[in-house]
N, C-alpha and C. Protein backbone atom coordinates (compact mmCIF):
# COMPACT_ATOMS: atom_id res chain seq x y z
N UNK A 1 77.50 75.93 52.85
CA UNK A 1 78.65 75.66 53.68
C UNK A 1 79.85 75.40 52.79
N UNK A 2 80.97 75.97 53.17
CA UNK A 2 82.19 75.73 52.42
C UNK A 2 83.35 75.52 53.39
N UNK A 3 84.33 74.74 52.94
CA UNK A 3 85.56 74.55 53.70
C UNK A 3 86.66 75.25 52.94
N UNK A 4 87.55 75.89 53.68
CA UNK A 4 88.69 76.53 53.04
C UNK A 4 89.78 76.77 54.06
N UNK A 5 90.93 77.18 53.57
CA UNK A 5 92.04 77.56 54.44
C UNK A 5 92.10 79.08 54.47
N UNK A 6 92.23 79.62 55.68
CA UNK A 6 92.29 81.07 55.84
C UNK A 6 93.58 81.46 56.55
N UNK A 7 93.97 82.70 56.36
CA UNK A 7 95.19 83.21 56.99
C UNK A 7 94.92 83.58 58.45
N UNK A 8 96.00 83.82 59.17
CA UNK A 8 95.88 84.26 60.57
C UNK A 8 95.17 85.62 60.61
N UNK A 9 94.38 85.81 61.63
CA UNK A 9 93.60 87.04 61.81
C UNK A 9 93.63 87.45 63.28
N UNK A 10 93.09 88.63 63.54
CA UNK A 10 92.88 89.12 64.90
C UNK A 10 91.44 89.56 65.05
N UNK A 11 90.92 89.47 66.26
CA UNK A 11 89.71 90.19 66.60
C UNK A 11 90.15 91.25 67.60
N UNK A 12 89.90 92.50 67.27
CA UNK A 12 90.26 93.61 68.14
C UNK A 12 88.99 94.22 68.68
N UNK A 13 88.91 94.28 69.99
CA UNK A 13 87.72 94.83 70.64
C UNK A 13 87.80 94.62 72.14
N UNK A 14 86.71 94.12 72.72
CA UNK A 14 86.63 93.89 74.16
C UNK A 14 86.29 92.44 74.45
N UNK A 15 86.84 91.94 75.55
CA UNK A 15 86.63 90.56 75.97
C UNK A 15 85.61 90.54 77.10
N UNK A 16 84.67 89.59 77.01
CA UNK A 16 83.62 89.43 78.01
C UNK A 16 83.55 87.97 78.47
N UNK A 17 83.25 87.79 79.73
CA UNK A 17 83.17 86.46 80.32
C UNK A 17 81.71 86.02 80.45
N UNK A 18 81.47 84.71 80.67
CA UNK A 18 80.09 84.21 80.79
C UNK A 18 79.28 84.91 81.88
N UNK A 19 79.94 85.40 82.92
CA UNK A 19 79.23 86.10 84.00
C UNK A 19 78.59 87.40 83.50
N UNK A 20 78.99 87.87 82.32
CA UNK A 20 78.46 89.11 81.78
C UNK A 20 77.28 88.88 80.83
N UNK A 21 76.88 87.64 80.69
CA UNK A 21 75.72 87.32 79.85
C UNK A 21 74.46 87.70 80.63
N UNK A 22 73.42 88.15 79.93
CA UNK A 22 72.20 88.57 80.62
C UNK A 22 71.22 87.41 80.78
N UNK A 23 70.08 87.69 81.37
CA UNK A 23 69.08 86.64 81.64
C UNK A 23 68.51 86.03 80.36
N UNK A 24 68.62 86.72 79.24
CA UNK A 24 68.16 86.19 77.94
C UNK A 24 69.24 85.37 77.25
N UNK A 25 70.41 85.21 77.91
CA UNK A 25 71.56 84.48 77.38
C UNK A 25 72.21 85.24 76.21
N UNK A 26 72.21 86.58 76.31
CA UNK A 26 72.82 87.41 75.28
C UNK A 26 73.93 88.28 75.88
N UNK A 27 74.74 88.82 75.00
CA UNK A 27 75.76 89.79 75.37
C UNK A 27 75.36 91.19 74.89
N UNK A 28 74.07 91.48 74.89
CA UNK A 28 73.58 92.76 74.38
C UNK A 28 74.26 93.95 75.06
N UNK A 29 74.33 93.95 76.38
CA UNK A 29 74.95 95.07 77.11
C UNK A 29 76.44 95.18 76.77
N UNK A 30 77.10 94.06 76.60
CA UNK A 30 78.53 94.05 76.26
C UNK A 30 78.77 94.63 74.86
N UNK A 31 77.90 94.24 73.92
CA UNK A 31 78.00 94.78 72.57
C UNK A 31 77.79 96.29 72.60
N UNK A 32 76.79 96.74 73.34
CA UNK A 32 76.51 98.17 73.43
C UNK A 32 77.66 98.92 74.10
N UNK A 33 78.23 98.31 75.14
CA UNK A 33 79.38 98.92 75.82
C UNK A 33 80.53 99.15 74.83
N UNK A 34 80.79 98.15 74.01
CA UNK A 34 81.87 98.27 73.02
C UNK A 34 81.53 99.33 71.98
N UNK A 35 80.30 99.30 71.47
CA UNK A 35 79.89 100.27 70.45
C UNK A 35 79.98 101.70 70.97
N UNK A 36 79.76 101.90 72.27
CA UNK A 36 79.78 103.24 72.86
C UNK A 36 81.17 103.67 73.32
N UNK A 37 82.14 102.79 73.27
CA UNK A 37 83.48 103.09 73.76
C UNK A 37 84.20 104.01 72.77
N UNK A 38 84.61 105.21 73.22
CA UNK A 38 85.29 106.15 72.32
C UNK A 38 86.56 105.58 71.70
N UNK A 39 87.29 104.73 72.43
CA UNK A 39 88.52 104.13 71.89
C UNK A 39 88.19 103.19 70.72
N UNK A 40 87.12 102.42 70.89
CA UNK A 40 86.68 101.52 69.82
C UNK A 40 86.23 102.32 68.61
N UNK A 41 85.40 103.34 68.84
CA UNK A 41 84.90 104.18 67.74
C UNK A 41 86.06 104.81 66.96
N UNK A 42 87.03 105.35 67.70
CA UNK A 42 88.18 106.00 67.06
C UNK A 42 88.99 104.97 66.25
N UNK A 43 89.20 103.78 66.82
CA UNK A 43 89.96 102.74 66.13
C UNK A 43 89.29 102.34 64.82
N UNK A 44 87.98 102.06 64.84
CA UNK A 44 87.32 101.60 63.62
C UNK A 44 87.25 102.70 62.57
N UNK A 45 87.07 103.94 63.00
CA UNK A 45 87.01 105.04 62.03
C UNK A 45 88.38 105.30 61.41
N UNK A 46 89.42 105.30 62.24
CA UNK A 46 90.78 105.57 61.76
C UNK A 46 91.28 104.47 60.82
N UNK A 47 90.86 103.22 61.05
CA UNK A 47 91.39 102.09 60.30
C UNK A 47 90.45 101.52 59.25
N UNK A 48 89.32 102.19 59.01
CA UNK A 48 88.42 101.78 57.94
C UNK A 48 87.55 100.57 58.25
N UNK A 49 87.21 100.37 59.52
CA UNK A 49 86.38 99.22 59.91
C UNK A 49 84.96 99.61 60.31
N UNK A 50 84.49 100.77 59.89
CA UNK A 50 83.17 101.22 60.34
C UNK A 50 82.04 100.31 59.89
N UNK A 51 82.22 99.55 58.81
CA UNK A 51 81.17 98.64 58.33
C UNK A 51 81.41 97.19 58.72
N UNK A 52 82.35 96.95 59.61
CA UNK A 52 82.70 95.59 60.02
C UNK A 52 82.47 95.39 61.51
N UNK A 53 81.95 94.21 61.85
CA UNK A 53 81.82 93.81 63.26
C UNK A 53 82.08 92.32 63.34
N UNK A 54 82.63 91.89 64.46
CA UNK A 54 82.92 90.47 64.65
C UNK A 54 82.66 90.08 66.10
N UNK A 55 82.21 88.86 66.25
CA UNK A 55 82.06 88.26 67.56
C UNK A 55 82.79 86.93 67.55
N UNK A 56 83.61 86.69 68.55
CA UNK A 56 84.39 85.47 68.63
C UNK A 56 84.08 84.77 69.94
N UNK A 57 83.69 83.52 69.85
CA UNK A 57 83.54 82.68 71.03
C UNK A 57 84.77 81.79 71.12
N UNK A 58 85.42 81.83 72.28
CA UNK A 58 86.60 81.01 72.53
C UNK A 58 86.23 80.07 73.68
N UNK A 59 86.24 78.78 73.39
CA UNK A 59 85.80 77.80 74.37
C UNK A 59 86.98 77.24 75.15
N UNK A 60 86.72 76.96 76.43
CA UNK A 60 87.71 76.33 77.28
C UNK A 60 87.07 75.16 78.00
N UNK A 61 87.77 74.62 78.96
CA UNK A 61 87.27 73.49 79.74
C UNK A 61 86.07 73.94 80.57
N UNK A 62 84.88 73.68 80.06
CA UNK A 62 83.65 74.00 80.79
C UNK A 62 83.28 75.47 80.83
N UNK A 63 83.93 76.30 80.03
CA UNK A 63 83.62 77.72 80.02
C UNK A 63 83.90 78.28 78.62
N UNK A 64 83.72 79.58 78.47
CA UNK A 64 84.01 80.26 77.22
C UNK A 64 84.17 81.74 77.49
N UNK A 65 84.68 82.46 76.49
CA UNK A 65 84.69 83.92 76.56
C UNK A 65 84.21 84.44 75.21
N UNK A 66 83.76 85.68 75.21
CA UNK A 66 83.22 86.33 74.03
C UNK A 66 84.05 87.57 73.76
N UNK A 67 84.54 87.69 72.54
CA UNK A 67 85.29 88.87 72.14
C UNK A 67 84.44 89.58 71.09
N UNK A 68 84.13 90.85 71.33
CA UNK A 68 83.33 91.62 70.37
C UNK A 68 84.16 92.78 69.86
N UNK A 69 84.18 92.93 68.54
CA UNK A 69 84.92 94.03 67.94
C UNK A 69 84.91 93.93 66.43
N UNK A 70 86.11 93.92 65.84
CA UNK A 70 86.27 93.81 64.39
C UNK A 70 87.34 92.79 64.07
N UNK A 71 87.20 92.15 62.91
CA UNK A 71 88.17 91.19 62.42
C UNK A 71 89.20 91.94 61.58
N UNK A 72 90.48 91.71 61.88
CA UNK A 72 91.55 92.40 61.17
C UNK A 72 92.59 91.40 60.68
N UNK A 73 93.50 91.89 59.85
CA UNK A 73 94.64 91.08 59.46
C UNK A 73 95.53 90.85 60.67
N UNK A 74 96.40 89.88 60.56
CA UNK A 74 97.25 89.47 61.69
C UNK A 74 98.20 90.56 62.18
N UNK A 75 98.59 91.48 61.31
CA UNK A 75 99.60 92.47 61.69
C UNK A 75 99.02 93.74 62.33
N UNK A 76 97.72 93.84 62.49
CA UNK A 76 97.11 95.03 63.08
C UNK A 76 97.19 94.95 64.60
N UNK A 77 97.69 96.00 65.22
CA UNK A 77 97.82 96.05 66.68
C UNK A 77 96.60 96.71 67.30
N UNK A 78 96.28 96.30 68.51
CA UNK A 78 95.17 96.90 69.24
C UNK A 78 95.65 98.16 69.95
N UNK A 79 94.85 99.20 69.92
CA UNK A 79 95.22 100.41 70.66
C UNK A 79 95.03 100.18 72.16
N UNK A 80 95.62 101.02 72.97
CA UNK A 80 95.46 100.95 74.41
C UNK A 80 93.97 101.01 74.76
N UNK A 81 93.55 100.11 75.64
CA UNK A 81 92.15 100.09 76.06
C UNK A 81 91.31 99.06 75.33
N UNK A 82 91.86 98.47 74.26
CA UNK A 82 91.17 97.40 73.56
C UNK A 82 92.07 96.16 73.58
N UNK A 83 91.46 95.00 73.41
CA UNK A 83 92.21 93.75 73.41
C UNK A 83 92.34 93.21 71.99
N UNK A 84 93.37 92.42 71.81
CA UNK A 84 93.60 91.75 70.52
C UNK A 84 93.66 90.25 70.78
N UNK A 85 92.78 89.52 70.11
CA UNK A 85 92.81 88.07 70.22
C UNK A 85 93.27 87.52 68.88
N UNK A 86 94.38 86.78 68.90
CA UNK A 86 94.97 86.27 67.67
C UNK A 86 94.39 84.90 67.32
N UNK A 87 94.01 84.77 66.06
CA UNK A 87 93.50 83.52 65.52
C UNK A 87 94.53 82.96 64.53
N UNK A 88 94.76 81.65 64.56
CA UNK A 88 95.78 81.07 63.68
C UNK A 88 95.28 80.91 62.24
N UNK A 89 96.22 80.76 61.33
CA UNK A 89 95.86 80.29 59.99
C UNK A 89 95.27 78.91 60.19
N UNK A 90 94.19 78.61 59.47
CA UNK A 90 93.50 77.35 59.76
C UNK A 90 92.64 76.87 58.62
N UNK A 91 92.29 75.58 58.70
CA UNK A 91 91.23 75.04 57.86
C UNK A 91 89.94 75.31 58.61
N UNK A 92 88.96 75.85 57.91
CA UNK A 92 87.71 76.24 58.55
C UNK A 92 86.52 75.77 57.73
N UNK A 93 85.38 75.74 58.38
CA UNK A 93 84.10 75.55 57.70
C UNK A 93 83.31 76.83 57.90
N UNK A 94 82.71 77.33 56.83
CA UNK A 94 82.00 78.61 56.90
C UNK A 94 80.59 78.51 56.33
N UNK A 95 79.70 79.27 56.97
CA UNK A 95 78.33 79.41 56.50
C UNK A 95 78.07 80.90 56.34
N UNK A 96 77.59 81.30 55.17
CA UNK A 96 77.26 82.70 54.93
C UNK A 96 75.75 82.88 54.92
N UNK A 97 75.32 83.98 55.54
CA UNK A 97 73.90 84.31 55.61
C UNK A 97 73.71 85.75 55.19
N UNK A 98 72.78 86.01 54.28
CA UNK A 98 72.48 87.37 53.84
C UNK A 98 71.38 87.99 54.69
N UNK A 99 71.32 89.30 54.68
CA UNK A 99 70.24 90.02 55.34
C UNK A 99 70.37 90.14 56.85
N UNK A 100 71.58 90.06 57.36
CA UNK A 100 71.78 90.14 58.80
C UNK A 100 72.22 91.56 59.20
N UNK A 101 71.88 91.95 60.41
CA UNK A 101 72.28 93.24 60.94
C UNK A 101 73.00 93.06 62.26
N UNK A 102 73.39 94.18 62.83
CA UNK A 102 74.14 94.15 64.09
C UNK A 102 73.33 93.49 65.22
N UNK A 103 72.03 93.44 65.06
CA UNK A 103 71.17 92.80 66.05
C UNK A 103 71.53 91.32 66.22
N UNK A 104 72.20 90.74 65.21
CA UNK A 104 72.63 89.34 65.31
C UNK A 104 73.41 89.11 66.60
N UNK A 105 74.26 90.06 66.97
CA UNK A 105 75.12 89.91 68.14
C UNK A 105 74.35 90.05 69.46
N UNK A 106 73.07 90.35 69.38
CA UNK A 106 72.22 90.44 70.57
C UNK A 106 71.26 89.26 70.68
N UNK A 107 71.48 88.23 69.88
CA UNK A 107 70.66 87.03 69.96
C UNK A 107 71.22 86.10 71.03
N UNK A 108 70.37 85.26 71.61
CA UNK A 108 70.84 84.32 72.64
C UNK A 108 71.91 83.35 72.10
N UNK A 109 73.01 83.28 72.82
CA UNK A 109 74.12 82.40 72.44
C UNK A 109 73.66 80.94 72.43
N UNK A 110 72.75 80.59 73.34
CA UNK A 110 72.30 79.19 73.40
C UNK A 110 71.36 78.84 72.25
N UNK A 111 71.09 79.78 71.36
CA UNK A 111 70.34 79.51 70.14
C UNK A 111 71.26 79.61 68.92
N UNK A 112 72.06 80.68 68.85
CA UNK A 112 72.89 80.90 67.66
C UNK A 112 73.97 79.82 67.49
N UNK A 113 74.62 79.44 68.58
CA UNK A 113 75.70 78.44 68.47
C UNK A 113 75.16 77.07 68.06
N UNK A 114 74.15 76.52 68.76
CA UNK A 114 73.64 75.21 68.33
C UNK A 114 73.07 75.21 66.90
N UNK A 115 72.46 76.31 66.49
CA UNK A 115 71.92 76.40 65.13
C UNK A 115 73.05 76.31 64.11
N UNK A 116 74.12 77.04 64.34
CA UNK A 116 75.28 77.02 63.45
C UNK A 116 75.93 75.64 63.44
N UNK A 117 76.15 75.07 64.62
CA UNK A 117 76.78 73.75 64.69
C UNK A 117 75.92 72.68 64.02
N UNK A 118 74.60 72.82 64.12
CA UNK A 118 73.70 71.87 63.46
C UNK A 118 73.86 71.94 61.93
N UNK A 119 74.01 73.16 61.41
CA UNK A 119 74.24 73.32 59.97
C UNK A 119 75.52 72.60 59.55
N UNK A 120 76.55 72.72 60.35
CA UNK A 120 77.83 72.08 60.03
C UNK A 120 77.72 70.56 60.11
N UNK A 121 77.04 70.07 61.14
CA UNK A 121 76.87 68.63 61.30
C UNK A 121 76.11 68.04 60.11
N UNK A 122 75.08 68.74 59.66
CA UNK A 122 74.31 68.28 58.49
C UNK A 122 75.16 68.27 57.22
N UNK A 123 76.23 69.08 57.21
CA UNK A 123 77.13 69.12 56.06
C UNK A 123 78.34 68.19 56.28
N UNK A 124 78.23 67.30 57.27
CA UNK A 124 79.26 66.30 57.58
C UNK A 124 80.57 66.87 58.08
N UNK A 125 80.51 68.01 58.77
CA UNK A 125 81.70 68.54 59.43
C UNK A 125 81.71 67.95 60.84
N UNK A 126 82.84 67.38 61.24
CA UNK A 126 82.95 66.79 62.58
C UNK A 126 83.15 67.90 63.60
N UNK A 127 82.29 67.91 64.61
CA UNK A 127 82.31 68.94 65.65
C UNK A 127 82.73 68.28 66.97
N UNK A 128 83.56 68.96 67.73
CA UNK A 128 83.91 68.47 69.06
C UNK A 128 82.69 68.54 69.95
N UNK A 129 82.46 67.47 70.71
CA UNK A 129 81.34 67.48 71.66
C UNK A 129 81.56 68.57 72.70
N UNK A 130 82.80 68.69 73.18
CA UNK A 130 83.18 69.78 74.07
C UNK A 130 84.17 70.64 73.30
N UNK A 131 83.72 71.78 72.84
CA UNK A 131 84.55 72.65 72.01
C UNK A 131 85.88 73.00 72.68
N UNK A 132 85.91 73.01 74.01
CA UNK A 132 87.13 73.32 74.73
C UNK A 132 88.22 72.28 74.54
N UNK A 133 87.88 71.10 74.05
CA UNK A 133 88.87 70.05 73.79
C UNK A 133 89.61 70.25 72.47
N UNK A 134 89.12 71.12 71.63
CA UNK A 134 89.73 71.36 70.33
C UNK A 134 91.00 72.20 70.48
N UNK A 135 91.97 71.98 69.58
CA UNK A 135 93.16 72.83 69.54
C UNK A 135 92.81 74.21 68.98
N UNK A 136 91.69 74.30 68.28
CA UNK A 136 91.22 75.56 67.72
C UNK A 136 89.76 75.76 68.17
N UNK A 137 89.56 76.13 69.43
CA UNK A 137 88.20 76.18 70.00
C UNK A 137 87.45 77.48 69.69
N UNK A 138 87.33 77.81 68.40
CA UNK A 138 86.82 79.11 68.00
C UNK A 138 85.59 79.00 67.10
N UNK A 139 84.63 79.87 67.39
CA UNK A 139 83.53 80.15 66.47
C UNK A 139 83.54 81.65 66.25
N UNK A 140 83.73 82.04 65.02
CA UNK A 140 83.84 83.45 64.65
C UNK A 140 82.62 83.85 63.83
N UNK A 141 82.04 84.99 64.17
CA UNK A 141 80.94 85.57 63.38
C UNK A 141 81.42 86.92 62.89
N UNK A 142 81.50 87.07 61.57
CA UNK A 142 82.01 88.29 60.95
C UNK A 142 80.89 88.90 60.12
N UNK A 143 80.52 90.13 60.44
CA UNK A 143 79.38 90.79 59.79
C UNK A 143 79.84 92.03 59.03
N UNK A 144 79.45 92.11 57.76
CA UNK A 144 79.66 93.32 56.97
C UNK A 144 78.35 94.12 57.06
N UNK A 145 78.39 95.27 57.72
CA UNK A 145 77.17 96.05 57.94
C UNK A 145 76.62 96.66 56.65
N UNK A 146 77.49 96.91 55.66
CA UNK A 146 76.99 97.52 54.43
C UNK A 146 76.32 96.49 53.51
N UNK A 147 76.87 95.27 53.44
CA UNK A 147 76.25 94.24 52.59
C UNK A 147 75.27 93.37 53.36
N UNK A 148 75.29 93.47 54.70
CA UNK A 148 74.45 92.66 55.59
C UNK A 148 74.74 91.16 55.44
N UNK A 149 76.00 90.85 55.10
CA UNK A 149 76.41 89.45 54.98
C UNK A 149 77.14 89.02 56.25
N UNK A 150 76.64 87.94 56.84
CA UNK A 150 77.24 87.35 58.03
C UNK A 150 77.98 86.08 57.61
N UNK A 151 79.24 85.99 58.01
CA UNK A 151 80.02 84.77 57.77
C UNK A 151 80.34 84.16 59.12
N UNK A 152 79.83 82.96 59.35
CA UNK A 152 80.12 82.23 60.58
C UNK A 152 81.20 81.21 60.25
N UNK A 153 82.21 81.15 61.11
CA UNK A 153 83.38 80.31 60.84
C UNK A 153 83.65 79.40 62.03
N UNK A 154 83.78 78.12 61.73
CA UNK A 154 84.17 77.11 62.71
C UNK A 154 85.60 76.69 62.37
N UNK A 155 86.50 76.80 63.33
CA UNK A 155 87.89 76.43 63.11
C UNK A 155 88.05 74.92 63.28
N UNK A 156 88.41 74.25 62.19
CA UNK A 156 88.56 72.79 62.20
C UNK A 156 89.94 72.40 62.74
N UNK A 157 90.99 72.96 62.15
CA UNK A 157 92.34 72.69 62.62
C UNK A 157 93.26 73.80 62.15
N UNK A 158 94.28 74.07 62.97
CA UNK A 158 95.28 75.08 62.60
C UNK A 158 96.12 74.57 61.45
N UNK A 159 96.55 75.48 60.60
CA UNK A 159 97.43 75.13 59.48
C UNK A 159 98.79 74.73 60.04
N UNK A 160 99.44 73.83 59.37
CA UNK A 160 100.75 73.33 59.83
C UNK A 160 101.91 74.04 59.15
N UNK A 161 101.66 75.15 58.51
CA UNK A 161 102.72 75.86 57.76
C UNK A 161 103.77 76.39 58.70
């Protein structure tokens, strides 16, 4: 686990709501829908993101949404048909895991999130009991498909710059 300051970023892809989660508590169908979308395929190929995937959980008051796509720099615009979710420059806590594949995004959310938060708690990172109360209610999972390295990021606080 490491803490660091990161620059503003975007996740460009598709947004999914909790009602789209399946009986296994996964977004497998949503991930597949995005992977099969010609607009998404064209965007990642044109912009050099074919080996990158990202999943973003954004928490609110008693709910959340899931954004699946790719992590980009702040100045990259989303093409028509895809959404862009902007993330602030922030202090974050990150955990890196080797040997992960795209199947990670098809694991049950009610297992992956508590496992990640438990790792942070054991490293003395203070976690909001209700993530929706945070000014930065984000958990980002960024996967490099070629290196199979997964970086999970918990947003602690936005930078004051």
